[in-house]
Amino acid sequence: MEFNRGDYVKLTEDAAQEVGVVWEIYLTEIASIEVYWWGGGKRWSKCYEPKVLTLVKPSDLPDYAIELRGSLGL
């Protein structure tokens, strides 16, 4: 699966199914996809291997994910 900056994603094994936004793709690192999340009133990021992420359909987006993407200037 190919990811691009601004894609909405979630963790494949996350029971809560939180939605994040792809920020950066590092082609030379194993944990190569940096994703921003919204939590506790602020945004934060973490890097993941592509295999643990899945794209989220536009019809399944919560409002906070759309606001998060906008706060990143995307």
PDB file of N, CA and C in Angstrom:
ATOM      1  N   MET A   1       0.847  -1.172   0.000  1.00  0.00           N
ATOM      2  CA  MET A   1       0.000   0.000   0.000  1.00  0.00           C
ATOM      3  C   MET A   1       0.896   1.240   0.000  1.00  0.00           C
ATOM      4  N   GLU A   2       0.561   2.182  -0.827  1.00  0.00           N
ATOM      5  CA  GLU A   2       1.341   3.413  -0.924  1.00  0.00           C
ATOM      6  C   GLU A   2       0.647   4.535  -0.158  1.00  0.00           C
ATOM      7  N   PHE A   3       1.443   5.282   0.602  1.00  0.00           N
ATOM      8  CA  PHE A   3       0.922   6.393   1.384  1.00  0.00           C
ATOM      9  C   PHE A   3       1.498   7.703   0.855  1.00  0.00           C
ATOM     10  N   ASN A   4       0.728   8.766   1.011  1.00  0.00           N
ATOM     11  CA  ASN A   4       1.146  10.104   0.617  1.00  0.00           C
ATOM     12  C   ASN A   4       0.877  11.074   1.749  1.00  0.00           C
ATOM     13  N   ARG A   5       1.619  12.175   1.758  1.00  0.00           N
ATOM     14  CA  ARG A   5       1.404  13.208   2.763  1.00  0.00           C
ATOM     15  C   ARG A   5      -0.059  13.663   2.703  1.00  0.00           C
ATOM     16  N   GLY A   6      -0.678  13.750   3.871  1.00  0.00           N
ATOM     17  CA  GLY A   6      -2.063  14.189   3.960  1.00  0.00           C
ATOM     18  C   GLY A   6      -3.082  13.068   3.966  1.00  0.00           C
ATOM     19  N   ASP A   7      -2.647  11.822   3.714  1.00  0.00           N
ATOM     20  CA  ASP A   7      -3.574  10.688   3.767  1.00  0.00           C
ATOM     21  C   ASP A   7      -4.071  10.487   5.190  1.00  0.00           C
ATOM     22  N   TYR A   8      -5.327  10.074   5.310  1.00  0.00           N
ATOM     23  CA  TYR A   8      -5.890   9.698   6.602  1.00  0.00           C
ATOM     24  C   TYR A   8      -5.623   8.215   6.817  1.00  0.00           C
ATOM     25  N   VAL A   9      -5.098   7.878   7.997  1.00  0.00           N
ATOM     26  CA  VAL A   9      -4.737   6.491   8.293  1.00  0.00           C
ATOM     27  C   VAL A   9      -5.156   6.118   9.710  1.00  0.00           C
ATOM     28  N   LYS A  10      -5.172   4.817   9.935  1.00  0.00           N
ATOM     29  CA  LYS A  10      -5.340   4.300  11.288  1.00  0.00           C
ATOM     30  C   LYS A  10      -4.443   3.080  11.433  1.00  0.00           C
ATOM     31  N   LEU A  11      -4.180   2.698  12.669  1.00  0.00           N
ATOM     32  CA  LEU A  11      -3.374   1.516  12.929  1.00  0.00           C
ATOM     33  C   LEU A  11      -4.218   0.274  12.686  1.00  0.00           C
ATOM     34  N   THR A  12      -3.639  -0.719  12.057  1.00  0.00           N
ATOM     35  CA  THR A  12      -4.396  -1.929  11.733  1.00  0.00           C
ATOM     36  C   THR A  12      -4.792  -2.699  12.992  1.00  0.00           C
ATOM     37  N   GLU A  13      -4.017  -2.595  14.071  1.00  0.00           N
ATOM     38  CA  GLU A  13      -4.308  -3.363  15.274  1.00  0.00           C
ATOM     39  C   GLU A  13      -4.885  -2.517  16.407  1.00  0.00           C
ATOM     40  N   ASP A  14      -5.252  -1.283  16.150  1.00  0.00           N
ATOM     41  CA  ASP A  14      -5.764  -0.378  17.174  1.00  0.00           C
ATOM     42  C   ASP A  14      -7.259  -0.599  17.371  1.00  0.00           C
ATOM     43  N   ALA A  15      -7.637  -1.056  18.555  1.00  0.00           N
ATOM     44  CA  ALA A  15      -9.048  -1.305  18.849  1.00  0.00           C
ATOM     45  C   ALA A  15      -9.856  -0.012  18.870  1.00  0.00           C
ATOM     46  N   ALA A  16      -9.232   1.103  19.265  1.00  0.00           N
ATOM     47  CA  ALA A  16      -9.944   2.377  19.348  1.00  0.00           C
ATOM     48  C   ALA A  16     -10.204   2.976  17.974  1.00  0.00           C
ATOM     49  N   GLN A  17      -9.414   2.568  16.975  1.00  0.00           N
ATOM     50  CA  GLN A  17      -9.574   3.027  15.599  1.00  0.00           C
ATOM     51  C   GLN A  17      -9.457   4.540  15.443  1.00  0.00           C
ATOM     52  N   GLU A  18      -8.527   5.158  16.159  1.00  0.00           N
ATOM     53  CA  GLU A  18      -8.265   6.587  16.003  1.00  0.00           C
ATOM     54  C   GLU A  18      -7.726   6.843  14.600  1.00  0.00           C
ATOM     55  N   VAL A  19      -8.029   8.012  14.061  1.00  0.00           N
ATOM     56  CA  VAL A  19      -7.592   8.378  12.720  1.00  0.00           C
ATOM     57  C   VAL A  19      -6.514   9.444  12.820  1.00  0.00           C
ATOM     58  N   GLY A  20      -5.416   9.241  12.092  1.00  0.00           N
ATOM     59  CA  GLY A  20      -4.321  10.198  12.047  1.00  0.00           C
ATOM     60  C   GLY A  20      -4.079  10.657  10.609  1.00  0.00           C
ATOM     61  N   VAL A  21      -3.074  11.528  10.466  1.00  0.00           N
ATOM     62  CA  VAL A  21      -2.753  12.101   9.157  1.00  0.00           C
ATOM     63  C   VAL A  21      -1.273  11.872   8.862  1.00  0.00           C
ATOM     64  N   VAL A  22      -0.979  11.330   7.683  1.00  0.00           N
ATOM     65  CA  VAL A  22       0.411  11.125   7.276  1.00  0.00           C
ATOM     66  C   VAL A  22       1.068  12.484   7.081  1.00  0.00           C
ATOM     67  N   TRP A  23       2.231  12.655   7.709  1.00  0.00           N
ATOM     68  CA  TRP A  23       2.956  13.911   7.588  1.00  0.00           C
ATOM     69  C   TRP A  23       4.186  13.753   6.700  1.00  0.00           C
ATOM     70  N   GLU A  24       5.021  12.767   6.994  1.00  0.00           N
ATOM     71  CA  GLU A  24       6.283  12.622   6.265  1.00  0.00           C
ATOM     72  C   GLU A  24       6.538  11.158   5.974  1.00  0.00           C
ATOM     73  N   ILE A  25       7.208  10.913   4.860  1.00  0.00           N
ATOM     74  CA  ILE A  25       7.587   9.561   4.461  1.00  0.00           C
ATOM     75  C   ILE A  25       9.094   9.528   4.312  1.00  0.00           C
ATOM     76  N   TYR A  26       9.739   8.698   5.138  1.00  0.00           N
ATOM     77  CA  TYR A  26      11.193   8.571   5.138  1.00  0.00           C
ATOM     78  C   TYR A  26      11.547   7.268   4.433  1.00  0.00           C
ATOM     79  N   LEU A  27      12.058   7.363   3.235  1.00  0.00           N
ATOM     80  CA  LEU A  27      12.275   6.184   2.398  1.00  0.00           C
ATOM     81  C   LEU A  27      13.408   5.283   2.865  1.00  0.00           C
ATOM     82  N   THR A  28      14.313   5.759   3.693  1.00  0.00           N
ATOM     83  CA  THR A  28      15.471   4.954   4.076  1.00  0.00           C
ATOM     84  C   THR A  28      15.355   4.347   5.474  1.00  0.00           C
ATOM     85  N   GLU A  29      14.237   4.520   6.154  1.00  0.00           N
ATOM     86  CA  GLU A  29      14.081   4.016   7.513  1.00  0.00           C
ATOM     87  C   GLU A  29      12.976   2.966   7.572  1.00  0.00           C
ATOM     88  N   ILE A  30      13.121   2.020   8.505  1.00  0.00           N
ATOM     89  CA  ILE A  30      12.112   0.969   8.653  1.00  0.00           C
ATOM     90  C   ILE A  30      10.789   1.569   9.125  1.00  0.00           C
ATOM     91  N   ALA A  31      10.823   2.325  10.231  1.00  0.00           N
ATOM     92  CA  ALA A  31       9.630   3.024  10.715  1.00  0.00           C
ATOM     93  C   ALA A  31       9.556   4.339   9.952  1.00  0.00           C
ATOM     94  N   SER A  32       9.042   4.259   8.751  1.00  0.00           N
ATOM     95  CA  SER A  32       9.255   5.339   7.797  1.00  0.00           C
ATOM     96  C   SER A  32       8.084   6.290   7.569  1.00  0.00           C
ATOM     97  N   ILE A  33       6.936   6.043   8.183  1.00  0.00           N
ATOM     98  CA  ILE A  33       5.782   6.905   7.967  1.00  0.00           C
ATOM     99  C   ILE A  33       5.514   7.682   9.257  1.00  0.00           C
ATOM    100  N   GLU A  34       5.687   9.008   9.193  1.00  0.00           N
ATOM    101  CA  GLU A  34       5.386   9.839  10.364  1.00  0.00           C
ATOM    102  C   GLU A  34       3.924  10.253  10.296  1.00  0.00           C
ATOM    103  N   VAL A  35       3.185   9.939  11.357  1.00  0.00           N
ATOM    104  CA  VAL A  35       1.751  10.211  11.423  1.00  0.00           C
ATOM    105  C   VAL A  35       1.476  11.165  12.584  1.00  0.00           C
ATOM    106  N   TYR A  36       0.644  12.163  12.323  1.00  0.00           N
ATOM    107  CA  TYR A  36       0.175  13.049  13.391  1.00  0.00           C
ATOM    108  C   TYR A  36      -1.165  12.550  13.898  1.00  0.00           C
ATOM    109  N   TRP A  37      -1.320  12.628  15.222  1.00  0.00           N
ATOM    110  CA  TRP A  37      -2.540  12.217  15.918  1.00  0.00           C
ATOM    111  C   TRP A  37      -3.045  13.398  16.731  1.00  0.00           C
ATOM    112  N   TRP A  38      -4.312  13.350  17.107  1.00  0.00           N
ATOM    113  CA  TRP A  38      -4.899  14.375  17.964  1.00  0.00           C
ATOM    114  C   TRP A  38      -5.273  13.713  19.275  1.00  0.00           C
ATOM    115  N   GLY A  39      -4.811  14.286  20.387  1.00  0.00           N
ATOM    116  CA  GLY A  39      -5.157  13.722  21.687  1.00  0.00           C
ATOM    117  C   GLY A  39      -4.794  14.660  22.809  1.00  0.00           C
ATOM    118  N   GLY A  40      -5.620  14.696  23.808  1.00  0.00           N
ATOM    119  CA  GLY A  40      -5.344  15.527  24.970  1.00  0.00           C
ATOM    120  C   GLY A  40      -5.298  17.010  24.655  1.00  0.00           C
ATOM    121  N   GLY A  41      -6.014  17.425  23.629  1.00  0.00           N
ATOM    122  CA  GLY A  41      -6.054  18.836  23.277  1.00  0.00           C
ATOM    123  C   GLY A  41      -4.869  19.329  22.463  1.00  0.00           C
ATOM    124  N   LYS A  42      -4.021  18.413  22.010  1.00  0.00           N
ATOM    125  CA  LYS A  42      -2.880  18.822  21.183  1.00  0.00           C
ATOM    126  C   LYS A  42      -2.566  17.743  20.160  1.00  0.00           C
ATOM    127  N   ARG A  43      -1.765  18.099  19.176  1.00  0.00           N
ATOM    128  CA  ARG A  43      -1.363  17.114  18.175  1.00  0.00           C
ATOM    129  C   ARG A  43       0.044  16.607  18.510  1.00  0.00           C
ATOM    130  N   TRP A  44       0.315  15.368  18.153  1.00  0.00           N
ATOM    131  CA  TRP A  44       1.612  14.752  18.381  1.00  0.00           C
ATOM    132  C   TRP A  44       1.870  13.759  17.250  1.00  0.00           C
ATOM    133  N   SER A  45       3.141  13.420  17.045  1.00  0.00           N
ATOM    134  CA  SER A  45       3.472  12.517  15.941  1.00  0.00           C
ATOM    135  C   SER A  45       4.306  11.336  16.416  1.00  0.00           C
ATOM    136  N   LYS A  46       4.279  10.301  15.599  1.00  0.00           N
ATOM    137  CA  LYS A  46       5.068   9.099  15.848  1.00  0.00           C
ATOM    138  C   LYS A  46       5.303   8.421  14.505  1.00  0.00           C
ATOM    139  N   CYS A  47       6.431   7.724  14.365  1.00  0.00           N
ATOM    140  CA  CYS A  47       6.757   7.011  13.119  1.00  0.00           C
ATOM    141  C   CYS A  47       6.349   5.540  13.217  1.00  0.00           C
ATOM    142  N   TYR A  48       5.890   5.011  12.078  1.00  0.00           N
ATOM    143  CA  TYR A  48       5.403   3.637  12.009  1.00  0.00           C
ATOM    144  C   TYR A  48       5.914   2.952  10.756  1.00  0.00           C
ATOM    145  N   GLU A  49       5.948   1.638  10.811  1.00  0.00           N
ATOM    146  CA  GLU A  49       6.207   0.855   9.610  1.00  0.00           C
ATOM    147  C   GLU A  49       4.931   0.887   8.770  1.00  0.00           C
ATOM    148  N   PRO A  50       5.060   0.963   7.456  1.00  0.00           N
ATOM    149  CA  PRO A  50       3.872   1.016   6.600  1.00  0.00           C
ATOM    150  C   PRO A  50       2.906  -0.154   6.813  1.00  0.00           C
ATOM    151  N   LYS A  51       3.435  -1.325   7.157  1.00  0.00           N
ATOM    152  CA  LYS A  51       2.576  -2.507   7.287  1.00  0.00           C
ATOM    153  C   LYS A  51       1.580  -2.421   8.439  1.00  0.00           C
ATOM    154  N   VAL A  52       1.777  -1.511   9.396  1.00  0.00           N
ATOM    155  CA  VAL A  52       0.844  -1.398  10.520  1.00  0.00           C
ATOM    156  C   VAL A  52      -0.196  -0.297  10.314  1.00  0.00           C
ATOM    157  N   LEU A  53      -0.188   0.333   9.129  1.00  0.00           N
ATOM    158  CA  LEU A  53      -1.129   1.407   8.829  1.00  0.00           C
ATOM    159  C   LEU A  53      -2.074   0.995   7.701  1.00  0.00           C
ATOM    160  N   THR A  54      -3.263   1.544   7.739  1.00  0.00           N
ATOM    161  CA  THR A  54      -4.229   1.340   6.668  1.00  0.00           C
ATOM    162  C   THR A  54      -4.912   2.667   6.364  1.00  0.00           C
ATOM    163  N   LEU A  55      -5.267   2.877   5.109  1.00  0.00           N
ATOM    164  CA  LEU A  55      -5.938   4.109   4.707  1.00  0.00           C
ATOM    165  C   LEU A  55      -7.379   4.118   5.203  1.00  0.00           C
ATOM    166  N   VAL A  56      -7.892   5.310   5.475  1.00  0.00           N
ATOM    167  CA  VAL A  56      -9.267   5.487   5.927  1.00  0.00           C
ATOM    168  C   VAL A  56     -10.077   6.093   4.783  1.00  0.00           C
ATOM    169  N   LYS A  57     -11.251   5.530   4.526  1.00  0.00           N
ATOM    170  CA  LYS A  57     -12.129   6.034   3.475  1.00  0.00           C
ATOM    171  C   LYS A  57     -12.645   7.429   3.842  1.00  0.00           C
ATOM    172  N   PRO A  58     -12.784   8.319   2.872  1.00  0.00           N
ATOM    173  CA  PRO A  58     -13.311   9.658   3.149  1.00  0.00           C
ATOM    174  C   PRO A  58     -14.671   9.637   3.847  1.00  0.00           C
ATOM    175  N   SER A  59     -15.474   8.648   3.569  1.00  0.00           N
ATOM    176  CA  SER A  59     -16.798   8.559   4.195  1.00  0.00           C
ATOM    177  C   SER A  59     -16.728   8.161   5.673  1.00  0.00           C
ATOM    178  N   ASP A  60     -15.572   7.687   6.135  1.00  0.00           N
ATOM    179  CA  ASP A  60     -15.408   7.236   7.521  1.00  0.00           C
ATOM    180  C   ASP A  60     -14.624   8.221   8.390  1.00  0.00           C
ATOM    181  N   LEU A  61     -14.445   9.447   7.923  1.00  0.00           N
ATOM    182  CA  LEU A  61     -13.603  10.408   8.647  1.00  0.00           C
ATOM    183  C   LEU A  61     -14.361  11.119   9.758  1.00  0.00           C
ATOM    184  N   PRO A  62     -13.798  11.109  10.975  1.00  0.00           N
ATOM    185  CA  PRO A  62     -14.386  11.910  12.045  1.00  0.00           C
ATOM    186  C   PRO A  62     -13.981  13.376  11.877  1.00  0.00           C
ATOM    187  N   ASP A  63     -14.762  14.273  12.449  1.00  0.00           N
ATOM    188  CA  ASP A  63     -14.492  15.709  12.323  1.00  0.00           C
ATOM    189  C   ASP A  63     -13.102  16.089  12.831  1.00  0.00           C
ATOM    190  N   TYR A  64     -12.652  15.469  13.941  1.00  0.00           N
ATOM    191  CA  TYR A  64     -11.352  15.842  14.498  1.00  0.00           C
ATOM    192  C   TYR A  64     -10.216  15.567  13.511  1.00  0.00           C
ATOM    193  N   ALA A  65     -10.344  14.519  12.684  1.00  0.00           N
ATOM    194  CA  ALA A  65      -9.291  14.190  11.724  1.00  0.00           C
ATOM    195  C   ALA A  65      -9.198  15.251  10.634  1.00  0.00           C
ATOM    196  N   ILE A  66     -10.340  15.759  10.204  1.00  0.00           N
ATOM    197  CA  ILE A  66     -10.361  16.816   9.194  1.00  0.00           C
ATOM    198  C   ILE A  66      -9.739  18.093   9.764  1.00  0.00           C
ATOM    199  N   GLU A  67     -10.056  18.406  11.020  1.00  0.00           N
ATOM    200  CA  GLU A  67      -9.470  19.580  11.683  1.00  0.00           C
ATOM    201  C   GLU A  67      -7.961  19.399  11.879  1.00  0.00           C
ATOM    202  N   LEU A  68      -7.541  18.192  12.230  1.00  0.00           N
ATOM    203  CA  LEU A  68      -6.111  17.911  12.406  1.00  0.00           C
ATOM    204  C   LEU A  68      -5.358  18.148  11.107  1.00  0.00           C
ATOM    205  N   ARG A  69      -5.893  17.630  10.017  1.00  0.00           N
ATOM    206  CA  ARG A  69      -5.240  17.824   8.710  1.00  0.00           C
ATOM    207  C   ARG A  69      -5.130  19.307   8.378  1.00  0.00           C
ATOM    208  N   GLY A  70      -6.179  20.065   8.642  1.00  0.00           N
ATOM    209  CA  GLY A  70      -6.161  21.504   8.401  1.00  0.00           C
ATOM    210  C   GLY A  70      -5.146  22.217   9.259  1.00  0.00           C
ATOM    211  N   SER A  71      -4.967  21.759  10.509  1.00  0.00           N
ATOM    212  CA  SER A  71      -3.990  22.401  11.394  1.00  0.00           C
ATOM    213  C   SER A  71      -2.557  22.171  10.939  1.00  0.00           C
ATOM    214  N   LEU A  72      -2.357  21.160  10.089  1.00  0.00           N
ATOM    215  CA  LEU A  72      -1.040  20.869   9.537  1.00  0.00           C
ATOM    216  C   LEU A  72      -0.784  21.647   8.239  1.00  0.00           C
ATOM    217  N   GLY A  73      -1.770  22.424   7.818  1.00  0.00           N
ATOM    218  CA  GLY A  73      -1.632  23.210   6.601  1.00  0.00           C
ATOM    219  C   GLY A  73      -1.821  22.398   5.329  1.00  0.00           C
ATOM    220  N   LEU A  74      -2.520  21.279   5.446  1.00  0.00           N
ATOM    221  CA  LEU A  74      -2.746  20.408   4.288  1.00  0.00           C
ATOM    222  C   LEU A  74      -4.181  20.518   3.789  1.00  0.00           C
TER     223      LEU A  74
END
